[in-house]
Protein backbone atom coordinates (compact mmCIF):
# COMPACT_ATOMS: atom_id res chain seq x y z
CA MET A 1 -0.05 -0.01 0.03
CA LYS A 2 1.28 3.53 -1.09
CA VAL A 3 0.02 6.55 1.03
CA THR A 4 0.73 10.13 0.23
CA TRP A 5 -0.57 13.28 2.29
CA GLU A 6 -0.97 16.47 0.26
CA GLU A 7 -1.58 19.63 2.44
CA GLN A 8 -4.29 21.92 1.09
CA GLY A 9 -4.59 24.54 3.67
CA SER A 10 -4.31 24.99 7.43
CA ASN A 11 -5.07 21.59 8.95
CA GLN A 12 -6.65 20.26 5.63
CA GLY A 13 -5.47 18.15 2.92
CA CYS A 14 -5.92 15.06 0.58
CA MET A 15 -4.71 11.64 1.38
CA THR A 16 -4.11 9.35 -1.61
CA VAL A 17 -4.05 5.57 -1.09
CA GLU A 18 -2.94 3.09 -3.68
CA VAL A 19 -4.03 -0.42 -2.72
CA GLU A 20 -1.72 -3.46 -4.12
CA LYS A 21 -3.53 -5.75 -6.52
CA ASP A 22 -3.37 -8.87 -4.24
CA LEU A 23 -5.63 -7.14 -1.62
CA VAL A 24 -7.94 -5.72 -4.43
CA THR A 25 -8.46 -9.40 -5.63
CA THR A 26 -8.99 -10.63 -2.11
CA CYS A 27 -11.64 -7.94 -1.44
CA ILE A 28 -13.27 -8.61 -4.76
CA ASP A 29 -13.52 -12.34 -3.81
CA ARG A 30 -15.11 -11.54 -0.48
CA ALA A 31 -17.60 -9.31 -2.19
CA PHE A 32 -18.52 -12.11 -4.56
CA LYS A 33 -19.02 -14.48 -1.62
CA LYS A 34 -21.43 -12.07 0.01
CA VAL A 35 -23.37 -11.01 -3.20
CA VAL A 36 -23.77 -14.51 -4.60
CA LYS A 37 -25.77 -15.67 -1.58
CA LYS A 38 -28.69 -13.50 -2.72
CA VAL A 39 -28.44 -14.34 -6.53
CA ASN A 40 -31.10 -16.56 -8.30
CA LEU A 41 -30.46 -17.76 -11.87
CA PRO A 42 -32.19 -20.43 -13.74
CA GLY A 43 -30.35 -23.75 -13.67
CA PHE A 44 -28.45 -23.00 -10.38
CA ARG A 45 -29.42 -23.23 -6.76
CA LYS A 46 -29.64 -19.92 -4.89
CA GLY A 47 -26.17 -18.90 -3.94
CA LYS A 48 -24.37 -21.55 -5.99
CA VAL A 49 -23.89 -19.49 -9.19
CA PRO A 50 -20.25 -20.11 -10.39
CA ARG A 51 -17.97 -16.94 -10.55
CA ALA A 52 -17.51 -17.01 -14.30
CA VAL A 53 -21.36 -17.20 -14.94
CA PHE A 54 -21.82 -14.46 -12.41
CA ASN A 55 -19.16 -12.21 -14.01
CA LYS A 56 -20.71 -12.90 -17.42
CA CYS A 57 -24.35 -12.11 -16.38
CA PHE A 58 -23.68 -9.14 -13.99
CA GLY A 59 -20.14 -7.89 -14.62
CA ILE A 60 -17.61 -6.90 -11.86
CA GLY A 61 -19.43 -3.79 -11.38
CA ALA A 62 -22.04 -5.77 -9.35
CA LEU A 63 -19.35 -6.28 -6.78
CA ALA A 64 -17.55 -2.84 -6.88
CA GLN A 65 -19.54 -1.27 -3.84
CA ASP A 66 -18.91 -4.09 -1.57
CA ALA A 67 -15.37 -4.76 -2.72
CA ILE A 68 -14.44 -1.02 -2.10
CA SER A 69 -16.29 -1.16 1.27
CA PHE A 70 -13.89 -4.04 2.24
CA LEU A 71 -10.87 -2.28 0.93
CA TRP A 72 -11.85 0.70 3.07
CA ASP A 73 -12.11 -1.39 6.24
CA GLU A 74 -8.62 -3.00 5.43
CA THR A 75 -6.72 0.14 4.51
CA TYR A 76 -8.14 3.38 6.01
CA ARG A 77 -6.88 3.20 9.42
CA LYS A 78 -3.46 1.75 8.44
CA ALA A 79 -3.26 4.62 5.80
CA LEU A 80 -3.75 7.25 8.57
CA ASP A 81 -1.02 5.62 10.75
CA GLU A 82 1.35 5.66 7.80
CA ALA A 83 0.65 9.23 6.89
CA LYS A 84 1.03 10.23 10.58
CA ILE A 85 -2.18 12.18 10.73
CA VAL A 86 -5.28 12.13 13.16
CA PRO A 87 -8.52 13.16 11.45
CA VAL A 88 -11.05 15.43 13.11
CA SER A 89 -13.63 15.41 10.51
CA GLU A 90 -15.67 12.90 8.57
CA PRO A 91 -13.70 11.77 5.64
CA LYS A 92 -14.89 12.98 2.05
CA ILE A 93 -14.02 10.00 -0.23
CA THR A 94 -13.30 10.03 -3.91
CA CYS A 95 -13.82 6.53 -5.41
CA GLN A 96 -14.08 5.36 -8.93
CA GLU A 97 -16.25 2.22 -8.66
CA ALA A 98 -15.88 1.57 -12.43
CA GLY A 99 -12.10 1.71 -11.97
CA ILE A 100 -11.79 -1.36 -9.67
CA GLU A 101 -10.58 -4.53 -11.61
CA ASP A 102 -9.43 -8.01 -10.63
CA GLY A 103 -5.60 -8.27 -10.45
CA LYS A 104 -4.98 -4.46 -10.70
CA PRO A 105 -4.03 -1.82 -8.09
CA TYR A 106 -6.88 0.44 -6.95
CA THR A 107 -6.47 4.10 -5.68
CA TYR A 108 -8.86 6.25 -3.75
CA LYS A 109 -8.55 9.69 -2.24
CA VAL A 110 -9.84 11.14 1.00
CA GLU A 111 -10.17 14.78 1.86
CA LEU A 112 -9.69 15.45 5.58
CA THR A 113 -9.41 18.00 8.36
CA ILE A 114 -6.78 16.90 10.70
CA GLU A 115 -5.39 17.61 14.36
CA PRO A 116 -3.38 20.83 14.21
CA LYS A 117 0.31 20.74 14.87
CA VAL A 118 1.18 21.93 18.46
CA THR A 119 4.21 24.04 19.15
CA LEU A 120 4.85 23.79 22.90
CA GLY A 121 6.04 26.71 24.84
CA GLN A 122 7.40 26.60 28.38
CA TYR A 123 5.78 23.71 30.27
CA GLN A 124 8.43 22.88 32.70
CA ASP A 125 9.59 25.13 35.68
CA LEU A 126 6.35 26.95 35.63
CA LYS A 127 5.17 28.91 38.71
CA PHE A 128 1.53 29.21 39.66
CA GLU A 129 0.81 30.86 42.92
CA LEU A 130 -2.28 30.25 45.07
CA ASP A 131 -3.64 32.57 47.70
CA GLU A 132 -3.14 30.31 50.77
CA GLN A 133 -5.58 32.18 52.69
CA GLU A 134 -8.32 30.88 50.53
CA TYR A 135 -7.48 27.31 51.51
CA CYS A 136 -7.54 27.61 55.29
CA VAL A 137 -10.19 25.97 57.46
CA SER A 138 -11.67 28.49 59.95
CA GLU A 139 -13.73 28.06 63.09
CA GLU A 140 -16.55 29.41 61.20
CA ASP A 141 -16.39 26.73 58.68
CA VAL A 142 -16.47 24.08 61.42
CA ASP A 143 -19.45 25.85 62.96
CA LYS A 144 -21.33 25.72 59.70
CA VAL A 145 -20.79 21.85 59.62
CA VAL A 146 -21.88 21.42 63.17
CA GLN A 147 -25.03 23.47 62.56
CA ALA A 148 -25.86 21.51 59.47
CA LYS A 149 -25.63 18.34 61.57
CA ALA A 150 -27.83 19.94 64.18
CA GLN A 151 -30.40 20.80 61.49
CA ASP A 152 -30.37 17.21 60.25
CA ALA A 153 -30.83 16.00 63.87
CA ILE A 154 -33.91 18.13 64.43
CA VAL A 155 -36.70 16.38 66.25
CA LEU A 156 -40.19 17.06 64.74
CA GLU A 157 -43.03 17.86 67.10
CA GLN A 158 -46.70 18.44 66.59
CA VAL A 159 -47.87 22.08 66.44
CA GLU A 160 -50.67 22.55 69.12
CA ASP A 161 -52.84 24.96 67.21
CA GLY A 162 -52.04 23.17 63.80
CA LYS A 163 -51.38 26.65 62.19
CA VAL A 164 -48.41 27.01 59.75
CA LYS A 165 -45.76 29.49 60.66
CA LEU A 166 -42.40 30.20 59.01
CA ASP A 167 -39.80 27.53 59.81
CA HIS A 168 -42.50 25.00 60.40
CA PHE A 169 -42.27 21.62 58.53
CA VAL A 170 -45.23 20.75 56.45
CA LYS A 171 -46.49 18.06 54.09
CA VAL A 172 -48.74 19.08 51.26
CA THR A 173 -50.36 17.81 48.11
CA ILE A 174 -50.41 20.22 45.17
CA LYS A 175 -52.63 20.18 42.18
CA ASN A 176 -52.41 22.01 38.94
CA LEU A 177 -55.24 24.49 38.06
CA GLY A 178 -53.81 25.96 34.93
CA GLU A 179 -51.15 25.43 32.14
CA PRO A 180 -49.73 22.00 31.75
CA TRP A 181 -46.35 21.60 33.94
CA ASP A 182 -43.14 20.50 32.39
CA GLU A 183 -41.30 17.40 33.39
CA GLU A 184 -38.76 19.20 35.47
CA LEU A 185 -41.53 20.88 37.57
CA LYS A 186 -43.60 17.66 37.94
CA GLN A 187 -40.40 15.95 39.27
CA THR A 188 -39.67 19.03 41.65
CA LEU A 189 -43.24 19.03 43.00
CA ALA A 190 -43.10 15.09 43.40
CA ASP A 191 -39.93 15.53 45.51
CA VAL A 192 -41.68 18.21 47.61
CA GLU A 193 -44.84 15.93 48.32
CA ARG A 194 -42.60 13.02 49.28
CA GLY A 195 -41.04 14.82 52.30
CA TYR A 196 -41.40 17.76 54.60
CA LEU A 197 -41.30 21.24 53.19
CA THR A 198 -39.61 23.98 55.33
CA VAL A 199 -41.72 26.99 55.27
CA GLY A 200 -39.65 29.98 54.15
CA LYS A 201 -36.79 27.77 52.87
CA SER A 202 -38.57 25.50 50.35
CA LEU A 203 -37.45 24.75 46.71
CA LEU A 204 -40.66 26.45 45.64
CA GLY A 205 -39.53 29.94 46.70
CA LYS A 206 -40.30 32.26 49.55
CA GLU A 207 -43.50 33.62 47.82
CA PHE A 208 -45.06 30.28 47.59
CA ASP A 209 -44.05 29.56 51.20
CA ARG A 210 -45.59 32.88 52.45
CA GLN A 211 -49.09 31.71 51.20
CA LEU A 212 -48.89 28.67 53.39
CA VAL A 213 -48.59 30.71 56.66
CA GLY A 214 -51.85 30.50 58.66
CA MET A 215 -53.31 27.49 56.94
CA LYS A 216 -54.39 24.51 59.07
CA VAL A 217 -54.18 20.75 58.63
CA GLY A 218 -56.81 19.62 56.12
CA GLU A 219 -57.37 23.05 54.66
CA GLU A 220 -57.19 23.65 50.91
CA LYS A 221 -56.14 26.95 49.44
CA GLU A 222 -55.44 28.27 45.84
CA VAL A 223 -51.91 29.82 45.56
CA ASP A 224 -49.58 31.25 43.06
CA LEU A 225 -46.50 29.52 42.22
CA ILE A 226 -43.61 31.40 40.54
CA TYR A 227 -41.55 29.06 38.48
CA PRO A 228 -38.57 28.86 38.46
CA SER A 229 -38.52 30.63 41.90
CA ASP A 230 -34.95 31.74 41.40
CA ALA A 231 -35.41 33.44 38.11
CA LYS A 232 -33.46 36.63 37.78
CA GLU A 233 -35.95 38.62 35.74
CA GLN A 234 -39.71 38.46 35.76
CA LYS A 235 -39.97 37.64 32.03
CA ASP A 236 -37.97 34.46 32.64
CA ALA A 237 -40.61 33.24 35.21
CA LEU A 238 -44.10 31.63 34.78
CA LEU A 239 -46.98 32.44 37.19
CA LEU A 240 -48.83 29.15 37.71
CA LYS A 241 -52.16 28.52 39.57
CA CYS A 242 -52.35 25.53 41.86
CA LYS A 243 -54.22 24.26 44.77
CA VAL A 244 -52.49 23.26 48.07
CA LYS A 245 -53.94 20.83 50.67
CA LEU A 246 -52.09 20.75 54.00
CA ALA A 247 -51.64 17.32 55.22
CA GLU A 248 -49.40 17.81 58.27
CA VAL A 249 -47.65 20.58 60.15
CA LYS A 250 -44.83 20.13 62.65
CA GLN A 251 -42.23 22.30 64.34
CA GLY A 252 -38.54 21.31 64.77
CA GLN A 253 -36.71 21.15 68.08
CA VAL A 254 -32.98 21.75 67.45
CA PRO A 255 -30.82 19.65 69.73
CA GLU A 256 -28.64 21.35 72.18
CA LEU A 257 -24.94 21.33 71.03
CA ASN A 258 -23.29 19.17 73.77
CA ASP A 259 -21.51 15.74 74.29
CA GLU A 260 -24.77 13.97 73.97
CA PHE A 261 -25.41 15.67 70.63
CA ALA A 262 -21.90 14.59 69.50
CA LYS A 263 -22.59 10.89 70.37
CA GLU A 264 -25.94 10.97 68.57
CA VAL A 265 -24.52 12.33 65.19
CA SER A 266 -21.06 10.74 65.09
CA ASP A 267 -18.76 8.17 66.63
CA GLN A 268 -17.23 10.75 68.84
CA GLU A 269 -17.61 11.00 72.64
CA THR A 270 -17.50 14.80 72.97
CA LEU A 271 -18.45 17.84 71.20
CA ASP A 272 -14.71 19.02 71.13
CA ALA A 273 -13.81 15.73 69.58
CA LEU A 274 -16.57 16.10 67.00
CA ARG A 275 -15.30 19.47 66.05
CA LYS A 276 -11.75 18.19 65.71
CA GLN A 277 -12.93 15.39 63.38
CA ILE A 278 -14.82 17.83 61.32
CA ARG A 279 -11.77 20.14 61.11
CA THR A 280 -9.50 17.31 59.95
CA GLU A 281 -12.13 16.21 57.14
CA LEU A 282 -12.48 19.78 56.04
CA GLU A 283 -8.78 20.24 55.89
CA GLN A 284 -8.31 17.03 53.83
CA GLU A 285 -11.00 18.39 51.36
CA VAL A 286 -9.44 21.75 51.15
CA ALA A 287 -5.98 20.16 50.57
CA SER A 288 -7.36 18.13 47.58
CA TYR A 289 -9.06 21.00 46.10
CA ARG A 290 -6.02 23.13 46.53
CA ASP A 291 -4.00 20.47 44.75
CA GLU A 292 -6.44 20.22 41.86
CA MET A 293 -6.46 24.05 41.38
CA GLN A 294 -2.62 23.99 41.20
CA ARG A 295 -2.62 21.21 38.60
CA CYS A 296 -5.26 23.07 36.53
CA GLY A 297 -3.29 26.31 36.96
CA LEU A 298 -0.12 24.80 35.69
CA LEU A 299 -1.98 23.19 32.77
CA ARG A 300 -3.56 26.55 31.96
CA LEU A 301 -0.09 28.04 31.77
CA ALA A 302 1.26 25.36 29.50
CA VAL A 303 -1.89 25.89 27.16
CA VAL A 304 -1.31 29.70 27.25
CA ASN A 305 2.34 29.29 26.28
CA ALA A 306 1.62 26.84 23.33
CA LYS A 307 0.93 27.76 19.68
CA ILE A 308 -2.17 25.95 18.12
CA ASP A 309 -4.29 26.80 15.16
CA VAL A 310 -7.33 24.93 16.13
CA PRO A 311 -9.78 23.84 13.30
CA PRO A 312 -13.36 25.25 13.81
CA ILE A 313 -14.83 21.59 13.67
CA MET A 314 -12.92 20.57 16.79
CA ILE A 315 -14.38 23.47 18.71
CA GLU A 316 -18.03 22.64 17.43
CA ASP A 317 -17.55 19.06 18.46
CA GLU A 318 -16.22 19.94 21.96
CA LEU A 319 -19.08 22.66 22.26
CA LYS A 320 -21.58 19.81 22.22
CA ASP A 321 -20.10 18.24 25.38
CA VAL A 322 -19.84 21.78 26.97
CA MET A 323 -23.50 22.43 26.43
CA LEU A 324 -24.44 19.04 27.65
CA GLU A 325 -22.60 19.67 30.79
CA ALA A 326 -24.14 23.01 31.20
CA GLU A 327 -27.56 21.56 30.65
CA SER A 328 -26.92 18.89 33.34
CA PHE A 329 -25.59 21.20 35.98
CA LYS A 330 -28.02 24.13 34.97
CA GLY A 331 -24.91 26.16 34.22
CA ASP A 332 -23.23 25.95 37.64
CA LEU A 333 -20.31 23.91 36.74
CA SER A 334 -19.78 25.61 33.47
CA ALA A 335 -19.89 28.99 34.97
CA GLU A 336 -17.29 27.88 37.65
CA ALA A 337 -15.06 26.49 34.76
CA LEU A 338 -15.37 29.74 32.85
CA ARG A 339 -14.40 31.84 35.72
CA GLU A 340 -11.29 29.63 36.14
CA VAL A 341 -10.50 30.10 32.45
CA PHE A 342 -11.07 33.90 32.19
CA ASP A 343 -9.33 34.70 35.53
CA GLN A 344 -6.25 34.06 33.56
CA GLU A 345 -5.69 37.27 31.65
CA GLU A 346 -3.32 35.73 29.11
CA GLU A 347 -6.23 33.61 27.79
CA ASN A 348 -8.32 36.64 27.01
CA GLU A 349 -6.60 37.11 23.69
CA SER A 350 -9.38 35.08 21.97
CA GLU A 351 -11.62 37.03 19.72
CA GLU A 352 -14.46 34.57 20.42
CA LYS A 353 -17.11 36.54 22.54
CA ASP A 354 -19.32 33.54 23.22
CA PRO A 355 -18.16 32.16 26.65
CA PHE A 356 -19.16 28.66 25.97
CA LYS A 357 -17.26 28.63 22.76
CA ARG A 358 -14.33 30.11 24.31
CA LEU A 359 -14.47 27.18 27.02
CA ALA A 360 -14.58 24.66 24.15
CA LEU A 361 -11.58 26.24 22.62
CA PHE A 362 -9.71 26.08 25.75
CA ARG A 363 -10.61 22.50 26.32
CA VAL A 364 -9.58 21.44 22.95
CA LYS A 365 -6.28 23.27 23.32
CA SER A 366 -5.73 21.66 26.73
CA TRP A 367 -6.13 18.12 25.34
CA LEU A 368 -3.72 18.74 22.35
CA VAL A 369 -1.22 20.05 24.70
CA ILE A 370 -1.69 17.19 27.08
CA LYS A 371 -1.04 14.81 24.18
CA GLU A 372 1.97 16.65 22.89
CA ILE A 373 3.62 16.76 26.35
CA ALA A 374 2.87 13.08 26.86
CA LYS A 375 4.51 12.22 23.53
CA LYS A 376 7.64 14.53 24.20
CA GLU A 377 8.19 13.17 27.80
CA GLN A 378 7.20 9.60 26.76
CA ILE A 379 4.28 9.46 29.21
CA GLU A 380 2.22 6.39 28.35
CA VAL A 381 -1.16 5.11 29.32
CA LYS A 382 -1.31 1.30 28.69
CA THR A 383 -4.25 -0.72 27.89
CA ASP A 384 -4.31 -2.61 31.04
CA GLU A 385 -4.37 0.67 32.95
CA VAL A 386 -7.40 1.75 31.08
CA MET A 387 -9.14 -1.48 31.72
CA ALA A 388 -8.20 -1.38 35.39
CA GLU A 389 -9.68 2.20 35.62
CA ILE A 390 -12.83 1.02 33.93
CA LYS A 391 -13.37 -2.06 36.01
CA GLY A 392 -12.41 -0.25 39.31
CA GLY A 393 -15.37 2.12 38.97
CA GLY A 394 -14.47 4.16 35.97
CA LEU A 395 -17.48 2.81 33.98
CA GLN A 396 -20.00 3.68 36.76
CA LYS A 397 -18.37 7.20 37.14
CA ALA A 398 -18.54 7.76 33.44
CA LEU A 399 -22.13 6.76 33.15
CA GLU A 400 -23.06 9.20 35.98
CA SER A 401 -21.22 11.98 34.57
CA PRO A 402 -22.83 14.78 32.33
CA LEU A 403 -21.42 12.92 29.38
CA GLY A 404 -22.82 9.49 30.35
CA PRO A 405 -25.55 9.56 27.74
CA THR A 406 -22.81 9.80 24.85
CA LEU A 407 -21.55 6.46 26.18
CA LEU A 408 -24.64 4.71 25.04
CA LYS A 409 -25.42 3.47 21.52
CA VAL A 410 -27.99 1.23 19.79
CA ASN A 411 -26.87 -2.06 18.34
CA ASP A 412 -28.16 -4.02 15.38
CA LYS A 413 -30.81 -5.52 17.46
CA GLY A 414 -32.19 -2.17 18.56
CA GLU A 415 -30.83 -2.64 22.05
CA GLN A 416 -29.00 0.20 24.12
CA VAL A 417 -25.55 -0.79 24.87
CA ILE A 418 -22.12 0.70 26.05
CA ASP A 419 -20.07 2.11 23.34
CA GLY A 420 -16.92 0.48 24.21
CA GLU A 421 -14.71 2.48 21.93
CA ARG A 422 -15.88 5.82 23.29
CA LEU A 423 -15.58 4.59 26.94
CA PHE A 424 -11.95 3.48 26.18
CA TYR A 425 -11.21 6.82 24.70
CA MET A 426 -12.85 8.89 27.61
CA THR A 427 -10.99 6.74 30.13
CA SER A 428 -7.59 6.89 28.56
CA LYS A 429 -8.06 10.71 28.04
CA TYR A 430 -8.77 10.94 31.79
CA LEU A 431 -5.62 8.98 32.58
CA TYR A 432 -3.42 10.82 30.27
CA THR A 433 -4.66 14.09 31.71
CA LYS A 434 -4.11 13.03 35.23
CA LYS A 435 -0.42 11.89 34.46
CA VAL A 436 0.57 15.04 32.54
CA MET A 437 -0.81 16.97 35.36
CA GLU A 438 1.28 15.15 37.92
CA PHE A 439 4.32 15.61 35.71
CA LEU A 440 3.77 19.46 35.50
CA VAL A 441 3.41 19.53 39.38
CA SER A 442 6.70 17.68 39.62
CA LYS A 443 8.57 20.10 37.45
CA LYS A 444 7.05 23.21 38.74
CA THR A 445 9.02 26.01 40.48
CA GLY A 446 8.18 27.69 43.81
């Protein structure tokens, strides 16, 4: 097989593949064995027509499509490896079906957009400083956790007069009196009805809760529901009419913060010991987060220092994942990631104004830089490492992530199954990122 790559612009070109005659003959033979099974000719049993008779009746053109398909399967990936290119677009194939002949070479051409060349800048001896004050655990932080445990340990008691007040715990049923509810609202209301609603602090908003004040058990009342309750502008919210029935009302008795409380909510004997345990756990969490921020910071610097001309199609593909994550987390995670990116002034050179596209661009650059550093520093991720990660909980973690739905595909039987190839890719990408980040930390200064 002879392979040539001709550049035709930035990250674009044409790959020409000339397949040797022996493989062409093999693929035509495979095509005949496939096609002849469906052929009916007078004087022959179905599927038993001799090759010479088939050629005379139908010609080699009847085998061309399948033969070329077999040729593609046998040669395309090998040709990419030989040309040392990684495609990022669907191949645009030029094939002359009439040109395939038994015993002769066959040539096809493929137009592709490929991964860009990465010119690394400085990625060793990087210095990324963190504000250590942001990674300290204060007594206030410990107090918040203790208070949260106290809230979880609240003892519910009946309300003597049965009237709802702020901070009471109520159980309600909610009926729609107007426009149909969307699935998200239905799920939210179902969650509310399954448990106790804390009046004044519920998911349905303070305005909804305010209308419950004064109700008695068994009473029904028409109320207004602003949805979503946290809409920043009135035009972004819906005013829904619904009927609420009060099923139960209780008040909470917060436990006294003492040694008995500590024994009840933990395995510690005293409140001081509980506070010490909480501090230790918080310090471990903060240290882990600090280390992660340092790794991300060093990687950002390496990306900023690199030169890469990213093809638009790579940004578009990554943008799909960015938007999927934003949808899953209602924008929270993406907003945090955006802030992390744009806090770095060096990265604001991009002319792209759409923040999600800018994030997609940054993530594409990050992965390309990670691969280039791994290549240069001979950092490898072996197949057994990937499989061990998958078996050790990586599969479940991936399925539960925002990109979990992209790991599923439908097989020939119409069944939903795991896309093994994508799972392997995502897991190896995670491991490469982890290893390269650890390398950057080991080579940092300061």
